[in-house]
Amino acid sequence: MPTAHNRIHVMHGVNLDQLGRRDPTHYGGMTFLQLEQAIDGYAHELGMDARFFQTNHEGEFVEELHRLSDLADALIVNAGAWSHYSRAIGEALQFAGVPAVEVHLSDVMAREPWRHVSVLAEACIATVSGKGVEGYRDAIVALRQDLRP
């Protein structure tokens, strides 16, 4: 049974549902379902309860952020390409009301220059990039530490 301050909402954005079809040199060979199963396993191992959301529609992503304070105590966000240019998502994240960690499967700093800027980072307590699925475990650890006094 979940206890106070252990609900983590994991939000995946545009094209993340296509893992397994995307370039494995950047994103690994996992499917999206396998990624969610791994994250869920990390969460349970660390005493957290994970809930998942994915959409390829920016407005739906923003609407989910608007509901976030009723759904979760903390957020892991991998907005995909939106991380680099969606000011609407960045603003919604700023007033979502929960601590957040931005995660990228690939090392965005080693990729195209447009990926080097995140419009979400200033609303997050940390960013994890380039660690593949293990980055989600790091994010859960950071959020657990932030949530517990």
N, C-alpha and C. Protein backbone atom coordinates (compact mmCIF):
# COMPACT_ATOMS: atom_id res chain seq x y z
N MET A 1 0.84 -1.18 0.00
CA MET A 1 0.00 0.00 0.00
C MET A 1 0.89 1.25 0.00
N PRO A 2 0.65 2.18 -0.95
CA PRO A 2 1.47 3.38 -0.99
C PRO A 2 1.34 4.20 0.29
N THR A 3 2.45 4.80 0.72
CA THR A 3 2.45 5.68 1.86
C THR A 3 2.63 7.11 1.36
N ALA A 4 2.45 8.05 2.25
CA ALA A 4 2.60 9.45 1.88
C ALA A 4 3.98 9.71 1.30
N HIS A 5 4.02 10.51 0.29
CA HIS A 5 5.26 10.97 -0.33
C HIS A 5 6.03 9.87 -1.05
N ASN A 6 5.34 8.93 -1.65
CA ASN A 6 6.07 7.93 -2.42
C ASN A 6 5.49 7.72 -3.81
N ARG A 7 4.58 8.58 -4.23
CA ARG A 7 3.96 8.43 -5.56
C ARG A 7 4.75 9.22 -6.60
N ILE A 8 5.33 8.48 -7.54
CA ILE A 8 6.09 9.13 -8.62
C ILE A 8 5.33 8.95 -9.93
N HIS A 9 5.09 10.05 -10.60
CA HIS A 9 4.45 10.04 -11.91
C HIS A 9 5.56 10.10 -12.95
N VAL A 10 5.56 9.20 -13.89
CA VAL A 10 6.57 9.15 -14.95
C VAL A 10 5.88 9.56 -16.24
N MET A 11 6.30 10.70 -16.79
CA MET A 11 5.67 11.22 -18.01
C MET A 11 6.64 11.14 -19.18
N HIS A 12 6.19 10.46 -20.21
CA HIS A 12 6.97 10.32 -21.45
C HIS A 12 6.26 11.06 -22.57
N GLY A 13 7.04 11.79 -23.33
CA GLY A 13 6.49 12.59 -24.40
C GLY A 13 6.65 11.99 -25.77
N VAL A 14 6.74 12.88 -26.71
CA VAL A 14 6.69 12.57 -28.13
C VAL A 14 7.71 11.51 -28.56
N ASN A 15 7.24 10.51 -29.25
CA ASN A 15 8.01 9.42 -29.85
C ASN A 15 8.61 8.42 -28.88
N LEU A 16 8.43 8.61 -27.58
CA LEU A 16 8.99 7.63 -26.65
C LEU A 16 8.28 6.29 -26.77
N ASP A 17 7.03 6.30 -27.22
CA ASP A 17 6.31 5.05 -27.42
C ASP A 17 6.89 4.23 -28.57
N GLN A 18 7.82 4.80 -29.29
CA GLN A 18 8.43 4.11 -30.43
C GLN A 18 9.78 3.47 -30.08
N LEU A 19 10.11 3.42 -28.79
CA LEU A 19 11.35 2.74 -28.40
C LEU A 19 11.31 1.31 -28.91
N GLY A 20 12.44 0.82 -29.31
CA GLY A 20 12.51 -0.49 -29.94
C GLY A 20 12.57 -0.36 -31.45
N ARG A 21 12.01 0.73 -31.97
CA ARG A 21 12.08 1.05 -33.39
C ARG A 21 13.08 2.18 -33.65
N ARG A 22 13.40 2.93 -32.61
CA ARG A 22 14.30 4.08 -32.74
C ARG A 22 15.75 3.62 -32.68
N ASP A 23 16.65 4.47 -33.08
CA ASP A 23 18.08 4.17 -33.17
C ASP A 23 18.61 3.62 -31.83
N PRO A 24 18.98 2.34 -31.79
CA PRO A 24 19.44 1.75 -30.53
C PRO A 24 20.76 2.34 -30.02
N THR A 25 21.55 2.98 -30.90
CA THR A 25 22.80 3.58 -30.42
C THR A 25 22.51 4.77 -29.50
N HIS A 26 21.36 5.41 -29.67
CA HIS A 26 20.98 6.53 -28.81
C HIS A 26 20.05 6.09 -27.68
N TYR A 27 19.13 5.18 -28.00
CA TYR A 27 18.03 4.89 -27.08
C TYR A 27 18.06 3.48 -26.49
N GLY A 28 19.03 2.67 -26.86
CA GLY A 28 19.07 1.29 -26.37
C GLY A 28 18.10 0.42 -27.14
N GLY A 29 18.06 -0.83 -26.79
CA GLY A 29 17.23 -1.78 -27.53
C GLY A 29 15.90 -2.12 -26.88
N MET A 30 15.59 -1.50 -25.74
CA MET A 30 14.34 -1.80 -25.04
C MET A 30 13.13 -1.26 -25.79
N THR A 31 12.03 -1.97 -25.65
CA THR A 31 10.76 -1.44 -26.11
C THR A 31 10.23 -0.50 -25.02
N PHE A 32 9.20 0.25 -25.35
CA PHE A 32 8.61 1.16 -24.38
C PHE A 32 8.04 0.38 -23.19
N LEU A 33 7.38 -0.74 -23.46
CA LEU A 33 6.83 -1.57 -22.39
C LEU A 33 7.94 -2.08 -21.48
N GLN A 34 9.04 -2.52 -22.05
CA GLN A 34 10.17 -2.99 -21.24
C GLN A 34 10.75 -1.86 -20.40
N LEU A 35 10.81 -0.65 -20.96
CA LEU A 35 11.29 0.51 -20.21
C LEU A 35 10.39 0.76 -19.00
N GLU A 36 9.09 0.78 -19.21
CA GLU A 36 8.17 1.02 -18.10
C GLU A 36 8.27 -0.08 -17.05
N GLN A 37 8.43 -1.32 -17.47
CA GLN A 37 8.58 -2.43 -16.52
C GLN A 37 9.85 -2.27 -15.69
N ALA A 38 10.93 -1.85 -16.32
CA ALA A 38 12.19 -1.64 -15.60
C ALA A 38 12.04 -0.50 -14.59
N ILE A 39 11.42 0.60 -15.00
CA ILE A 39 11.21 1.74 -14.10
C ILE A 39 10.34 1.32 -12.92
N ASP A 40 9.28 0.58 -13.19
CA ASP A 40 8.40 0.11 -12.14
C ASP A 40 9.16 -0.76 -11.14
N GLY A 41 10.04 -1.60 -11.66
CA GLY A 41 10.88 -2.43 -10.79
C GLY A 41 11.79 -1.60 -9.91
N TYR A 42 12.44 -0.58 -10.49
CA TYR A 42 13.29 0.32 -9.70
C TYR A 42 12.47 0.99 -8.61
N ALA A 43 11.29 1.47 -8.98
CA ALA A 43 10.45 2.19 -8.02
C ALA A 43 10.10 1.28 -6.84
N HIS A 44 9.64 0.08 -7.11
CA HIS A 44 9.28 -0.84 -6.03
C HIS A 44 10.49 -1.17 -5.16
N GLU A 45 11.62 -1.39 -5.81
CA GLU A 45 12.86 -1.70 -5.08
C GLU A 45 13.24 -0.58 -4.12
N LEU A 46 12.92 0.66 -4.49
CA LEU A 46 13.28 1.82 -3.69
C LEU A 46 12.11 2.32 -2.83
N GLY A 47 11.05 1.53 -2.73
CA GLY A 47 9.93 1.88 -1.87
C GLY A 47 9.03 2.97 -2.42
N MET A 48 9.02 3.11 -3.74
CA MET A 48 8.20 4.14 -4.37
C MET A 48 7.14 3.47 -5.25
N ASP A 49 6.09 4.21 -5.53
CA ASP A 49 4.99 3.72 -6.36
C ASP A 49 4.97 4.53 -7.65
N ALA A 50 5.19 3.88 -8.79
CA ALA A 50 5.26 4.57 -10.08
C ALA A 50 3.94 4.47 -10.83
N ARG A 51 3.60 5.55 -11.47
CA ARG A 51 2.44 5.63 -12.36
C ARG A 51 2.94 6.22 -13.66
N PHE A 52 2.39 5.78 -14.79
CA PHE A 52 2.95 6.16 -16.10
C PHE A 52 1.94 6.88 -16.98
N PHE A 53 2.50 7.77 -17.82
CA PHE A 53 1.70 8.52 -18.79
C PHE A 53 2.58 8.75 -20.01
N GLN A 54 2.02 8.56 -21.20
CA GLN A 54 2.73 8.86 -22.44
C GLN A 54 1.75 9.41 -23.45
N THR A 55 2.19 10.42 -24.18
CA THR A 55 1.39 10.97 -25.27
C THR A 55 2.31 11.56 -26.32
N ASN A 56 1.80 11.61 -27.54
CA ASN A 56 2.48 12.29 -28.64
C ASN A 56 1.81 13.64 -28.94
N HIS A 57 0.94 14.08 -28.02
CA HIS A 57 0.19 15.32 -28.21
C HIS A 57 0.57 16.31 -27.10
N GLU A 58 1.16 17.40 -27.50
CA GLU A 58 1.70 18.37 -26.55
C GLU A 58 0.63 18.90 -25.59
N GLY A 59 -0.55 19.19 -26.10
CA GLY A 59 -1.62 19.70 -25.24
C GLY A 59 -2.03 18.69 -24.17
N GLU A 60 -2.07 17.42 -24.52
CA GLU A 60 -2.39 16.38 -23.53
C GLU A 60 -1.30 16.32 -22.45
N PHE A 61 -0.05 16.50 -22.87
CA PHE A 61 1.05 16.49 -21.92
C PHE A 61 0.88 17.64 -20.92
N VAL A 62 0.56 18.82 -21.43
CA VAL A 62 0.33 19.99 -20.58
C VAL A 62 -0.84 19.75 -19.63
N GLU A 63 -1.93 19.21 -20.14
CA GLU A 63 -3.11 18.93 -19.31
C GLU A 63 -2.76 17.95 -18.18
N GLU A 64 -1.95 16.95 -18.46
CA GLU A 64 -1.54 16.01 -17.43
C GLU A 64 -0.71 16.71 -16.35
N LEU A 65 0.16 17.62 -16.77
CA LEU A 65 0.92 18.41 -15.80
C LEU A 65 0.00 19.26 -14.93
N HIS A 66 -1.08 19.77 -15.50
CA HIS A 66 -2.04 20.56 -14.73
C HIS A 66 -2.70 19.74 -13.63
N ARG A 67 -2.87 18.44 -13.86
CA ARG A 67 -3.51 17.54 -12.88
C ARG A 67 -2.51 16.93 -11.89
N LEU A 68 -1.26 17.16 -12.09
CA LEU A 68 -0.20 16.41 -11.41
C LEU A 68 -0.26 16.47 -9.88
N SER A 69 -0.56 17.60 -9.31
CA SER A 69 -0.52 17.70 -7.85
C SER A 69 -1.55 16.78 -7.19
N ASP A 70 -2.59 16.39 -7.91
CA ASP A 70 -3.58 15.45 -7.38
C ASP A 70 -3.17 14.00 -7.60
N LEU A 71 -2.20 13.78 -8.49
CA LEU A 71 -1.83 12.42 -8.89
C LEU A 71 -0.57 11.90 -8.23
N ALA A 72 0.34 12.79 -7.86
CA ALA A 72 1.67 12.32 -7.48
C ALA A 72 2.35 13.28 -6.51
N ASP A 73 3.38 12.74 -5.87
CA ASP A 73 4.22 13.52 -4.97
C ASP A 73 5.47 14.04 -5.67
N ALA A 74 5.82 13.40 -6.79
CA ALA A 74 7.03 13.76 -7.53
C ALA A 74 6.87 13.32 -8.98
N LEU A 75 7.74 13.85 -9.83
CA LEU A 75 7.63 13.61 -11.27
C LEU A 75 8.98 13.27 -11.88
N ILE A 76 8.97 12.28 -12.76
CA ILE A 76 10.07 12.05 -13.70
C ILE A 76 9.52 12.41 -15.06
N VAL A 77 10.23 13.30 -15.76
CA VAL A 77 9.75 13.76 -17.06
C VAL A 77 10.80 13.51 -18.13
N ASN A 78 10.40 12.79 -19.17
CA ASN A 78 11.18 12.65 -20.39
C ASN A 78 10.24 13.08 -21.51
N ALA A 79 10.30 14.35 -21.83
CA ALA A 79 9.39 14.92 -22.81
C ALA A 79 9.87 14.73 -24.24
N GLY A 80 10.97 14.00 -24.43
CA GLY A 80 11.50 13.83 -25.78
C GLY A 80 11.94 15.17 -26.35
N ALA A 81 11.72 15.36 -27.62
CA ALA A 81 12.14 16.59 -28.30
C ALA A 81 11.49 17.84 -27.71
N TRP A 82 10.32 17.70 -27.11
CA TRP A 82 9.68 18.86 -26.48
C TRP A 82 10.55 19.48 -25.41
N SER A 83 11.43 18.70 -24.80
CA SER A 83 12.31 19.21 -23.75
C SER A 83 13.13 20.40 -24.23
N HIS A 84 13.36 20.48 -25.52
CA HIS A 84 14.28 21.47 -26.07
C HIS A 84 13.59 22.71 -26.63
N TYR A 85 12.26 22.69 -26.72
CA TYR A 85 11.62 23.86 -27.30
C TYR A 85 10.21 24.17 -26.81
N SER A 86 9.57 23.30 -26.05
CA SER A 86 8.18 23.55 -25.66
C SER A 86 8.11 24.42 -24.40
N ARG A 87 7.96 25.71 -24.61
CA ARG A 87 7.79 26.63 -23.50
C ARG A 87 6.48 26.35 -22.77
N ALA A 88 5.47 25.86 -23.48
CA ALA A 88 4.19 25.54 -22.84
C ALA A 88 4.38 24.43 -21.80
N ILE A 89 5.14 23.40 -22.14
CA ILE A 89 5.42 22.33 -21.19
C ILE A 89 6.29 22.86 -20.05
N GLY A 90 7.28 23.67 -20.38
CA GLY A 90 8.14 24.25 -19.35
C GLY A 90 7.36 25.07 -18.34
N GLU A 91 6.43 25.89 -18.81
CA GLU A 91 5.60 26.69 -17.90
C GLU A 91 4.69 25.81 -17.05
N ALA A 92 4.06 24.82 -17.67
CA ALA A 92 3.17 23.92 -16.92
C ALA A 92 3.96 23.15 -15.86
N LEU A 93 5.18 22.77 -16.18
CA LEU A 93 6.02 22.06 -15.23
C LEU A 93 6.38 22.96 -14.04
N GLN A 94 6.60 24.25 -14.31
CA GLN A 94 6.96 25.18 -13.24
C GLN A 94 5.87 25.30 -12.19
N PHE A 95 4.61 25.25 -12.59
CA PHE A 95 3.56 25.38 -11.58
C PHE A 95 2.85 24.06 -11.30
N ALA A 96 3.48 22.93 -11.64
CA ALA A 96 2.90 21.62 -11.37
C ALA A 96 2.83 21.31 -9.88
N GLY A 97 3.73 21.90 -9.10
CA GLY A 97 3.63 21.78 -7.66
C GLY A 97 4.30 20.58 -7.03
N VAL A 98 5.13 19.85 -7.78
CA VAL A 98 5.85 18.71 -7.22
C VAL A 98 7.30 18.75 -7.71
N PRO A 99 8.23 18.17 -6.93
CA PRO A 99 9.62 18.10 -7.41
C PRO A 99 9.70 17.21 -8.64
N ALA A 100 10.57 17.59 -9.58
CA ALA A 100 10.69 16.86 -10.84
C ALA A 100 12.15 16.63 -11.19
N VAL A 101 12.40 15.51 -11.87
CA VAL A 101 13.70 15.22 -12.46
C VAL A 101 13.49 14.97 -13.95
N GLU A 102 14.28 15.66 -14.75
CA GLU A 102 14.26 15.47 -16.20
C GLU A 102 15.20 14.33 -16.55
N VAL A 103 14.74 13.41 -17.38
CA VAL A 103 15.56 12.27 -17.80
C VAL A 103 15.61 12.20 -19.32
N HIS A 104 16.80 11.89 -19.83
CA HIS A 104 16.99 11.59 -21.25
C HIS A 104 17.75 10.28 -21.35
N LEU A 105 17.27 9.37 -22.15
CA LEU A 105 17.97 8.09 -22.34
C LEU A 105 19.33 8.31 -22.98
N SER A 106 19.38 9.18 -23.98
CA SER A 106 20.64 9.43 -24.69
C SER A 106 21.40 10.59 -24.04
N ASP A 107 22.65 10.72 -24.39
CA ASP A 107 23.48 11.82 -23.92
C ASP A 107 23.22 13.02 -24.83
N VAL A 108 22.28 13.87 -24.43
CA VAL A 108 21.87 14.96 -25.31
C VAL A 108 23.00 15.94 -25.59
N MET A 109 23.97 16.06 -24.69
CA MET A 109 25.08 16.98 -24.92
C MET A 109 26.06 16.47 -25.97
N ALA A 110 25.99 15.19 -26.29
CA ALA A 110 26.86 14.62 -27.32
C ALA A 110 26.14 14.51 -28.67
N ARG A 111 24.96 15.08 -28.74
CA ARG A 111 24.15 14.99 -29.96
C ARG A 111 24.05 16.35 -30.65
N GLU A 112 23.04 16.55 -31.45
CA GLU A 112 22.88 17.78 -32.21
C GLU A 112 22.81 18.99 -31.28
N PRO A 113 23.34 20.14 -31.72
CA PRO A 113 23.36 21.34 -30.87
C PRO A 113 21.99 21.76 -30.35
N TRP A 114 20.93 21.57 -31.11
CA TRP A 114 19.60 21.99 -30.66
C TRP A 114 19.15 21.21 -29.43
N ARG A 115 19.74 20.05 -29.19
CA ARG A 115 19.38 19.24 -28.02
C ARG A 115 20.12 19.68 -26.75
N HIS A 116 21.07 20.57 -26.87
CA HIS A 116 21.89 20.98 -25.73
C HIS A 116 21.14 21.89 -24.76
N VAL A 117 20.04 22.47 -25.20
CA VAL A 117 19.26 23.38 -24.36
C VAL A 117 17.98 22.68 -23.93
N SER A 118 17.67 22.78 -22.63
CA SER A 118 16.40 22.26 -22.12
C SER A 118 15.59 23.41 -21.58
N VAL A 119 14.34 23.51 -22.02
CA VAL A 119 13.44 24.52 -21.48
C VAL A 119 12.71 23.98 -20.25
N LEU A 120 13.03 22.77 -19.83
CA LEU A 120 12.42 22.17 -18.65
C LEU A 120 13.34 22.19 -17.44
N ALA A 121 14.64 22.25 -17.67
CA ALA A 121 15.63 22.05 -16.61
C ALA A 121 15.46 22.99 -15.43
N GLU A 122 15.12 24.25 -15.65
CA GLU A 122 15.02 25.18 -14.53
C GLU A 122 13.87 24.86 -13.59
N ALA A 123 12.92 24.05 -14.03
CA ALA A 123 11.80 23.65 -13.18
C ALA A 123 12.06 22.30 -12.50
N CYS A 124 13.26 21.75 -12.69
CA CYS A 124 13.60 20.42 -12.16
C CYS A 124 14.69 20.51 -11.10
N ILE A 125 14.68 19.56 -10.18
CA ILE A 125 15.73 19.52 -9.16
C ILE A 125 17.00 18.89 -9.70
N ALA A 126 16.89 18.15 -10.82
CA ALA A 126 18.06 17.51 -11.43
C ALA A 126 17.71 17.10 -12.85
N THR A 127 18.77 16.87 -13.64
CA THR A 127 18.64 16.31 -14.98
C THR A 127 19.59 15.13 -15.07
N VAL A 128 19.08 14.02 -15.62
CA VAL A 128 19.90 12.83 -15.83
C VAL A 128 19.88 12.55 -17.33
N SER A 129 21.06 12.44 -17.92
CA SER A 129 21.17 12.28 -19.37
C SER A 129 22.25 11.27 -19.71
N GLY A 130 21.95 10.40 -20.67
CA GLY A 130 22.96 9.51 -21.22
C GLY A 130 23.21 8.24 -20.44
N LYS A 131 22.35 7.91 -19.48
CA LYS A 131 22.54 6.70 -18.69
C LYS A 131 21.57 5.59 -19.07
N GLY A 132 20.82 5.81 -20.15
CA GLY A 132 19.84 4.81 -20.56
C GLY A 132 18.80 4.60 -19.47
N VAL A 133 18.31 3.37 -19.36
CA VAL A 133 17.27 3.07 -18.38
C VAL A 133 17.74 3.30 -16.96
N GLU A 134 19.03 3.16 -16.69
CA GLU A 134 19.57 3.39 -15.35
C GLU A 134 19.37 4.84 -14.90
N GLY A 135 19.23 5.75 -15.83
CA GLY A 135 18.98 7.14 -15.49
C GLY A 135 17.68 7.32 -14.72
N TYR A 136 16.71 6.46 -15.00
CA TYR A 136 15.44 6.53 -14.28
C TYR A 136 15.63 6.10 -12.82
N ARG A 137 16.49 5.14 -12.60
CA ARG A 137 16.79 4.72 -11.22
C ARG A 137 17.43 5.89 -10.46
N ASP A 138 18.39 6.56 -11.11
CA ASP A 138 19.02 7.74 -10.50
C ASP A 138 17.99 8.81 -10.18
N ALA A 139 17.03 8.99 -11.08
CA ALA A 139 15.98 10.00 -10.86
C ALA A 139 15.10 9.63 -9.67
N ILE A 140 14.76 8.36 -9.55
CA ILE A 140 13.94 7.91 -8.42
C ILE A 140 14.68 8.13 -7.11
N VAL A 141 15.97 7.82 -7.09
CA VAL A 141 16.78 8.03 -5.88
C VAL A 141 16.78 9.51 -5.51
N ALA A 142 16.98 10.39 -6.48
CA ALA A 142 17.01 11.83 -6.21
C ALA A 142 15.66 12.31 -5.67
N LEU A 143 14.59 11.83 -6.25
CA LEU A 143 13.26 12.25 -5.80
C LEU A 143 12.95 11.70 -4.41
N ARG A 144 13.33 10.47 -4.17
CA ARG A 144 13.09 9.87 -2.84
C ARG A 144 13.82 10.70 -1.77
N GLN A 145 15.06 11.10 -2.06
CA GLN A 145 15.81 11.92 -1.11
C GLN A 145 15.16 13.29 -0.91
N ASP A 146 14.62 13.86 -1.99
CA ASP A 146 13.98 15.16 -1.91
C ASP A 146 12.67 15.10 -1.12
N LEU A 147 11.96 13.99 -1.23
CA LEU A 147 10.66 13.85 -0.57
C LEU A 147 10.73 13.50 0.89
N ARG A 148 11.82 12.89 1.30
CA ARG A 148 11.92 12.42 2.68
C ARG A 148 12.85 13.32 3.47
N PRO A 149 12.37 13.81 4.63
CA PRO A 149 13.20 14.71 5.45
C PRO A 149 14.41 14.03 6.06
